Amino acid sequence: MEWTNLHELLRSLYDEMLPLSANMAAVAKGIAGLGALFYVALKVWQALSRAEPIDVFPLLRPFAIGICILFFPTIVLGTINAVLSPVVKGTHAMLDNQVLDLNRLQEQKDLLDKEAMLRNPETAYLVSDAEFDKKLEELGWTPSDMIAMSGMYMERGMYDLKKDIRDWFRELLEVLFQAAALVIDTIRTFFLIVLSILGPIAFAISVWDGFQSTLTQWLTRYISVYLWLPISDMFSSILSKIQSLILERDIAKLADPTYIPDTSNTVYIIFMVIGIVGYFTIPTVAGWVIQAGGAGNFMRNVNTTATKTGNIAGAGTGSATGNITGRLLK
């Protein structure tokens, strides 16, 4: 099974588990109904005890949350997924374009590397069987020729061994790179399923006075986890773009007949390691994209500062007015 099929399997798993959130609606309705009763009763009692008019608008909040609980898969999850889905599709299309360019440039570079090796008589027999056989035919059966022939076999064997080791290590890093992406996607799918199934409970608890932030925190976490996939695709596309730029520079250098290509793929391996480590920073980056409560804290500080300034100004104005009045009376 290919890696893309595994990612598609996780998408289908989320779609199949999504209807289970409706099973929690029955429990959530009871919790939300009881919370709405206490919430409305408390607000009405406070208004009556203070002989103030009853403000009806805040009392509509529990009923709005109750409607969201009744139609949770459609109203809540459907709306959020519909808004965020274009972001996922856009970043995935960006990744596909970069990967196609990278594969095309890699094939072109491999072909130019082989041609550069064939241009050099000292390395042509390492990559071409015809050149190797031709070089053997030029040798005789003298002891010196036998030694040269043995050296050719050893050099070709060492070249093939090094090439196999490099290819094996590169394939291992590619597997680890794909595995890191799959780990992120699997954890993301698990978190989304848990948040989706238990979402009605979180909405019901937010009805209770003192737990209003539960609704905001649930929305924040759901959107943050949902953004793991587009951020992962953006990170992969950035790495692919960097590798494409490196390949373009190598291809430009290979146009020089005197240029000796570097077949160690050291830069490619370094960026693969960076990609493996970078995948596990995606949850942190997603937490930077969306946060709850930041603006509220800022406005709270602004209001506190404004209140203190007003008190100081009021005190200063009162003192000045008292001094002026005293002088007039005198």
Protein backbone atom coordinates (compact mmCIF):
# COMPACT_ATOMS: atom_id res chain seq x y z
CA MET A 1 0.00 0.00 0.00
CA GLU A 2 1.33 3.43 -0.96
CA TRP A 3 1.73 6.33 1.45
CA THR A 4 -0.98 8.36 -0.29
CA ASN A 5 -3.41 5.48 0.18
CA LEU A 6 -2.68 5.45 3.92
CA HIS A 7 -3.48 9.16 4.15
CA GLU A 8 -6.70 8.59 2.21
CA LEU A 9 -7.55 5.78 4.63
CA LEU A 10 -7.26 8.21 7.53
CA ARG A 11 -9.57 10.66 5.73
CA SER A 12 -12.20 7.96 5.24
CA LEU A 13 -11.81 6.88 8.88
CA TYR A 14 -12.62 10.41 10.05
CA ASP A 15 -15.67 10.59 7.76
CA GLU A 16 -16.97 7.24 9.05
CA MET A 17 -16.47 8.14 12.72
CA LEU A 18 -18.01 11.61 12.37
CA PRO A 19 -21.67 10.46 12.73
CA LEU A 20 -20.85 9.06 16.18
CA SER A 21 -20.96 12.60 17.53
CA ALA A 22 -24.76 12.44 17.20
CA ASN A 23 -24.79 9.65 19.81
CA MET A 24 -23.45 12.09 22.41
CA ALA A 25 -26.22 14.57 21.69
CA ALA A 26 -28.68 12.76 23.99
CA VAL A 27 -26.34 13.03 26.99
CA ALA A 28 -25.34 16.56 26.05
CA LYS A 29 -28.97 17.69 25.81
CA GLY A 30 -29.61 16.64 29.41
CA ILE A 31 -26.49 18.45 30.67
CA ALA A 32 -27.24 21.54 28.60
CA GLY A 33 -30.91 21.60 29.64
CA LEU A 34 -30.07 21.46 33.32
CA GLY A 35 -27.37 24.10 32.86
CA ALA A 36 -29.75 26.36 30.94
CA LEU A 37 -32.32 26.09 33.74
CA PHE A 38 -29.84 27.18 36.40
CA TYR A 39 -28.31 29.83 34.12
CA VAL A 40 -31.63 31.51 33.28
CA ALA A 41 -32.89 31.22 36.86
CA LEU A 42 -29.72 32.81 38.24
CA LYS A 43 -29.79 35.73 35.79
CA VAL A 44 -33.49 36.40 36.40
CA TRP A 45 -33.07 36.18 40.17
CA GLN A 46 -30.13 38.61 40.09
CA ALA A 47 -32.14 41.09 38.05
CA LEU A 48 -35.17 40.83 40.36
CA SER A 49 -33.11 41.13 43.51
CA ARG A 50 -31.52 44.34 42.22
CA ALA A 51 -34.86 45.69 40.97
CA GLU A 52 -33.40 45.94 37.46
CA PRO A 53 -35.08 45.14 34.14
CA ILE A 54 -34.39 41.65 32.82
CA ASP A 55 -32.04 41.63 29.86
CA VAL A 56 -33.36 38.91 27.55
CA PHE A 57 -30.48 38.85 25.05
CA PRO A 58 -27.89 37.09 27.31
CA LEU A 59 -30.55 34.51 28.19
CA LEU A 60 -30.64 33.36 24.55
CA ARG A 61 -27.11 31.95 24.76
CA PRO A 62 -28.11 28.54 26.27
CA PHE A 63 -30.80 28.11 23.62
CA ALA A 64 -28.35 28.88 20.79
CA ILE A 65 -25.92 26.33 22.20
CA GLY A 66 -28.76 23.83 22.50
CA ILE A 67 -29.56 24.21 18.81
CA CYS A 68 -25.88 23.59 18.00
CA ILE A 69 -25.99 20.42 20.12
CA LEU A 70 -29.13 19.14 18.40
CA PHE A 71 -27.60 19.55 14.93
CA PHE A 72 -23.95 19.24 15.92
CA PRO A 73 -22.62 17.25 12.89
CA THR A 74 -24.29 19.63 10.44
CA ILE A 75 -24.16 23.08 12.05
CA VAL A 76 -20.87 22.90 13.97
CA LEU A 77 -18.65 20.29 12.30
CA GLY A 78 -20.07 20.84 8.84
CA THR A 79 -19.53 24.60 9.00
CA ILE A 80 -15.99 24.40 10.38
CA ASN A 81 -14.92 21.70 7.93
CA ALA A 82 -16.47 23.57 5.00
CA VAL A 83 -14.56 26.73 5.91
CA LEU A 84 -11.20 24.98 6.49
CA SER A 85 -11.42 22.44 3.68
CA PRO A 86 -10.32 24.91 0.93
CA VAL A 87 -7.17 25.61 2.97
CA VAL A 88 -6.32 21.89 3.00
CA LYS A 89 -6.99 21.51 -0.73
CA GLY A 90 -4.94 24.60 -1.60
CA THR A 91 -1.86 23.53 0.35
CA HIS A 92 -2.12 19.97 -0.99
CA ALA A 93 -2.22 21.27 -4.58
CA MET A 94 0.85 23.38 -3.82
CA LEU A 95 2.67 20.28 -2.54
CA ASP A 96 1.73 18.22 -5.60
CA ASN A 97 3.13 20.88 -7.94
CA GLN A 98 6.41 21.09 -6.04
CA VAL A 99 6.81 17.30 -5.91
CA LEU A 100 6.26 17.01 -9.66
CA ASP A 101 8.92 19.64 -10.33
CA LEU A 102 11.30 17.94 -7.91
CA ASN A 103 10.89 14.53 -9.57
CA ARG A 104 11.44 16.01 -13.02
CA LEU A 105 14.59 17.84 -11.94
CA GLN A 106 15.91 14.77 -10.11
CA GLU A 107 15.57 12.63 -13.25
CA GLN A 108 17.28 15.30 -15.30
CA LYS A 109 20.16 15.58 -12.81
CA ASP A 110 20.65 11.79 -12.68
CA LEU A 111 20.90 11.68 -16.47
CA LEU A 112 23.41 14.55 -16.54
CA ASP A 113 25.45 12.93 -13.76
CA LYS A 114 25.78 9.75 -15.80
CA GLU A 115 26.73 11.71 -18.92
CA ALA A 116 29.38 13.61 -16.95
CA MET A 117 30.82 10.34 -15.66
CA LEU A 118 30.91 8.94 -19.21
CA ARG A 119 32.79 12.01 -20.48
CA ASN A 120 35.63 11.30 -18.08
CA PRO A 121 37.71 8.32 -19.30
CA GLU A 122 38.83 7.56 -15.75
CA THR A 123 35.25 7.10 -14.47
CA ALA A 124 33.37 6.00 -17.58
CA TYR A 125 33.93 2.28 -16.92
CA LEU A 126 32.34 2.64 -13.46
CA VAL A 127 28.89 3.48 -14.84
CA SER A 128 28.95 1.79 -18.26
CA ASP A 129 29.33 -1.93 -18.92
CA ALA A 130 30.39 -1.25 -22.50
CA GLU A 131 33.21 1.03 -21.39
CA PHE A 132 34.24 -1.52 -18.77
CA ASP A 133 34.41 -4.34 -21.36
CA LYS A 134 36.26 -2.10 -23.79
CA LYS A 135 38.85 -1.26 -21.15
CA LEU A 136 39.31 -4.96 -20.38
CA GLU A 137 39.84 -5.76 -24.05
CA GLU A 138 42.64 -3.20 -24.22
CA LEU A 139 44.54 -5.07 -21.51
CA GLY A 140 46.66 -8.13 -22.19
CA TRP A 141 47.63 -11.10 -20.06
CA THR A 142 50.85 -9.79 -18.63
CA PRO A 143 51.25 -9.63 -14.84
CA SER A 144 50.91 -5.83 -14.88
CA ASP A 145 47.73 -6.09 -16.95
CA MET A 146 46.34 -8.71 -14.55
CA ILE A 147 47.01 -6.37 -11.63
CA ALA A 148 45.32 -3.49 -13.47
CA MET A 149 42.36 -5.75 -14.29
CA SER A 150 42.01 -6.75 -10.62
CA GLY A 151 42.16 -3.09 -9.61
CA MET A 152 39.39 -2.26 -12.09
CA TYR A 153 37.16 -4.96 -10.65
CA MET A 154 37.86 -3.73 -7.12
CA GLU A 155 37.20 -0.09 -8.01
CA ARG A 156 33.96 -0.96 -9.79
CA GLY A 157 32.89 -3.16 -6.85
CA MET A 158 33.68 -0.39 -4.34
CA TYR A 159 31.79 2.15 -6.48
CA ASP A 160 28.74 -0.11 -6.67
CA LEU A 161 28.94 -0.78 -2.92
CA LYS A 162 29.12 2.92 -2.08
CA LYS A 163 26.26 3.64 -4.46
CA ASP A 164 24.13 0.89 -2.90
CA ILE A 165 24.87 2.18 0.62
CA ARG A 166 23.97 5.75 -0.39
CA ASP A 167 20.78 4.60 -2.07
CA TRP A 168 19.85 2.45 0.94
CA PHE A 169 20.45 5.28 3.37
CA ARG A 170 18.49 7.69 1.19
CA GLU A 171 15.58 5.26 0.95
CA LEU A 172 15.70 4.78 4.73
CA LEU A 173 15.47 8.54 5.29
CA GLU A 174 12.65 8.79 2.77
CA VAL A 175 10.76 6.06 4.65
CA LEU A 176 11.35 7.87 7.96
CA PHE A 177 10.24 11.14 6.34
CA GLN A 178 7.01 9.58 5.10
CA ALA A 179 6.54 7.83 8.46
CA ALA A 180 6.85 11.15 10.33
CA ALA A 181 4.19 12.65 8.07
CA LEU A 182 1.97 9.62 8.66
CA VAL A 183 2.45 9.86 12.44
CA ILE A 184 1.36 13.52 12.39
CA ASP A 185 -1.64 12.70 10.22
CA THR A 186 -2.64 9.72 12.41
CA ILE A 187 -2.45 11.75 15.64
CA ARG A 188 -4.35 14.57 13.93
CA THR A 189 -7.12 12.20 12.85
CA PHE A 190 -7.34 10.70 16.36
CA PHE A 191 -7.59 14.14 17.98
CA LEU A 192 -10.23 15.29 15.48
CA ILE A 193 -12.33 12.17 16.07
CA VAL A 194 -12.17 12.59 19.85
CA LEU A 195 -12.99 16.31 19.64
CA SER A 196 -15.84 15.63 17.21
CA ILE A 197 -17.43 12.83 19.28
CA LEU A 198 -17.11 14.65 22.59
CA GLY A 199 -17.90 18.07 21.09
CA PRO A 200 -21.58 18.04 22.17
CA ILE A 201 -20.46 17.38 25.77
CA ALA A 202 -18.08 20.36 25.61
CA PHE A 203 -20.88 22.56 24.26
CA ALA A 204 -23.24 21.36 26.99
CA ILE A 205 -20.73 22.08 29.76
CA SER A 206 -20.18 25.59 28.38
CA VAL A 207 -23.81 26.40 29.20
CA TRP A 208 -23.05 26.26 32.90
CA ASP A 209 -22.03 29.54 34.47
CA GLY A 210 -18.26 29.59 35.00
CA PHE A 211 -17.51 27.13 32.17
CA GLN A 212 -18.19 29.46 29.23
CA SER A 213 -14.55 29.25 28.11
CA THR A 214 -15.00 25.53 27.36
CA LEU A 215 -16.73 26.41 24.08
CA THR A 216 -13.95 28.76 23.00
CA GLN A 217 -11.23 26.30 23.97
CA TRP A 218 -12.94 23.48 22.05
CA LEU A 219 -13.17 25.61 18.91
CA THR A 220 -9.54 26.69 19.29
CA ARG A 221 -8.24 23.14 19.70
CA TYR A 222 -10.35 21.74 16.87
CA ILE A 223 -9.23 24.40 14.39
CA SER A 224 -5.62 24.14 15.56
CA VAL A 225 -5.54 20.36 15.11
CA TYR A 226 -7.35 20.63 11.77
CA LEU A 227 -4.59 22.96 10.53
CA TRP A 228 -1.89 20.35 11.15
CA LEU A 229 -2.40 18.87 7.70
CA PRO A 230 -2.16 22.11 5.65
CA ILE A 231 0.86 23.22 7.70
CA SER A 232 2.45 19.81 7.05
CA ASP A 233 1.83 20.19 3.31
CA MET A 234 3.30 23.70 3.36
CA PHE A 235 6.38 22.45 5.19
CA SER A 236 6.85 19.63 2.66
CA SER A 237 6.38 22.01 -0.26
CA ILE A 238 9.01 24.37 1.18
CA LEU A 239 11.50 21.50 1.48
CA SER A 240 10.68 20.37 -2.06
CA LYS A 241 11.21 23.91 -3.34
CA ILE A 242 14.61 24.14 -1.62
CA GLN A 243 15.67 20.80 -3.10
CA SER A 244 14.43 21.96 -6.52
CA LEU A 245 16.58 25.08 -6.29
CA ILE A 246 19.61 22.95 -5.35
CA LEU A 247 18.97 20.60 -8.27
CA GLU A 248 18.65 23.56 -10.66
CA ARG A 249 22.06 24.85 -9.54
CA ASP A 250 23.60 21.39 -9.98
CA ILE A 251 22.07 21.08 -13.45
CA ALA A 252 23.52 24.48 -14.40
CA LYS A 253 26.96 23.36 -13.20
CA LEU A 254 26.74 20.09 -15.13
CA ALA A 255 26.60 22.11 -18.34
CA ASP A 256 30.35 22.70 -17.83
CA PRO A 257 32.27 19.72 -19.36
CA THR A 258 35.03 20.08 -16.77
CA TYR A 259 32.66 19.89 -13.79
CA ILE A 260 32.95 16.71 -11.71
CA PRO A 261 29.53 15.82 -10.19
CA ASP A 262 29.11 15.07 -6.50
CA THR A 263 27.22 11.79 -6.13
CA SER A 264 27.22 11.73 -2.34
CA ASN A 265 23.77 13.43 -2.08
CA THR A 266 24.90 15.02 1.19
CA VAL A 267 22.64 18.07 0.84
CA TYR A 268 19.65 15.88 0.03
CA ILE A 269 20.28 13.76 3.13
CA ILE A 270 20.65 16.85 5.32
CA PHE A 271 17.31 18.24 4.20
CA MET A 272 15.65 14.87 4.75
CA VAL A 273 16.88 14.91 8.35
CA ILE A 274 15.66 18.49 8.74
CA GLY A 275 12.27 17.44 7.38
CA ILE A 276 11.97 14.52 9.80
CA VAL A 277 12.74 16.76 12.78
CA GLY A 278 10.61 19.63 11.46
CA TYR A 279 7.47 17.51 11.15
CA PHE A 280 7.23 17.24 14.92
CA THR A 281 7.18 21.04 15.29
CA ILE A 282 3.92 21.29 13.33
CA PRO A 283 1.65 21.15 16.44
CA THR A 284 3.56 24.09 17.91
CA VAL A 285 3.25 26.12 14.72
CA ALA A 286 -0.48 25.35 14.54
CA GLY A 287 -0.83 26.68 18.08
CA TRP A 288 0.69 29.97 16.90
CA VAL A 289 -1.87 30.33 14.10
CA ILE A 290 -4.96 30.40 16.30
CA GLN A 291 -5.18 31.27 19.99
CA ALA A 292 -8.09 32.14 22.23
CA GLY A 293 -8.20 34.83 24.86
CA GLY A 294 -5.38 37.02 23.57
CA ALA A 295 -7.59 39.93 22.52
CA GLY A 296 -9.64 39.63 25.70
CA ASN A 297 -6.57 39.97 27.89
CA PHE A 298 -5.38 42.92 25.82
CA MET A 299 -8.70 44.72 26.11
CA ARG A 300 -8.83 43.94 29.83
CA ASN A 301 -5.43 45.61 30.29
CA VAL A 302 -6.53 48.59 28.20
CA ASN A 303 -9.70 48.99 30.27
CA THR A 304 -7.75 48.71 33.53
CA THR A 305 -5.26 51.35 32.38
CA ALA A 306 -8.06 53.65 31.23
CA THR A 307 -9.85 53.26 34.58
CA LYS A 308 -6.71 54.09 36.55
CA THR A 309 -6.05 57.11 34.36
CA GLY A 310 -9.62 58.30 34.81
CA ASN A 311 -9.39 57.96 38.59
CA ILE A 312 -6.14 59.89 38.72
CA ALA A 313 -7.54 62.60 36.45
CA GLY A 314 -10.72 62.76 38.50
CA ALA A 315 -8.80 63.06 41.72
CA GLY A 316 -6.60 65.77 40.28
CA THR A 317 -9.59 67.69 38.92
CA GLY A 318 -11.41 67.44 42.24
CA SER A 319 -8.42 68.79 44.15
CA ALA A 320 -8.00 71.71 41.76
CA THR A 321 -11.71 72.56 41.93
CA GLY A 322 -11.62 72.51 45.74
CA ASN A 323 -8.66 74.87 45.85
CA ILE A 324 -10.32 77.33 43.45
CA THR A 325 -13.60 77.26 45.43
CA GLY A 326 -11.75 77.90 48.70
CA ARG A 327 -9.98 80.92 47.29
CA LEU A 328 -13.23 82.39 46.00
CA LEU A 329 -14.89 82.01 49.39
CA LYS A 330 -12.02 83.78 51.05
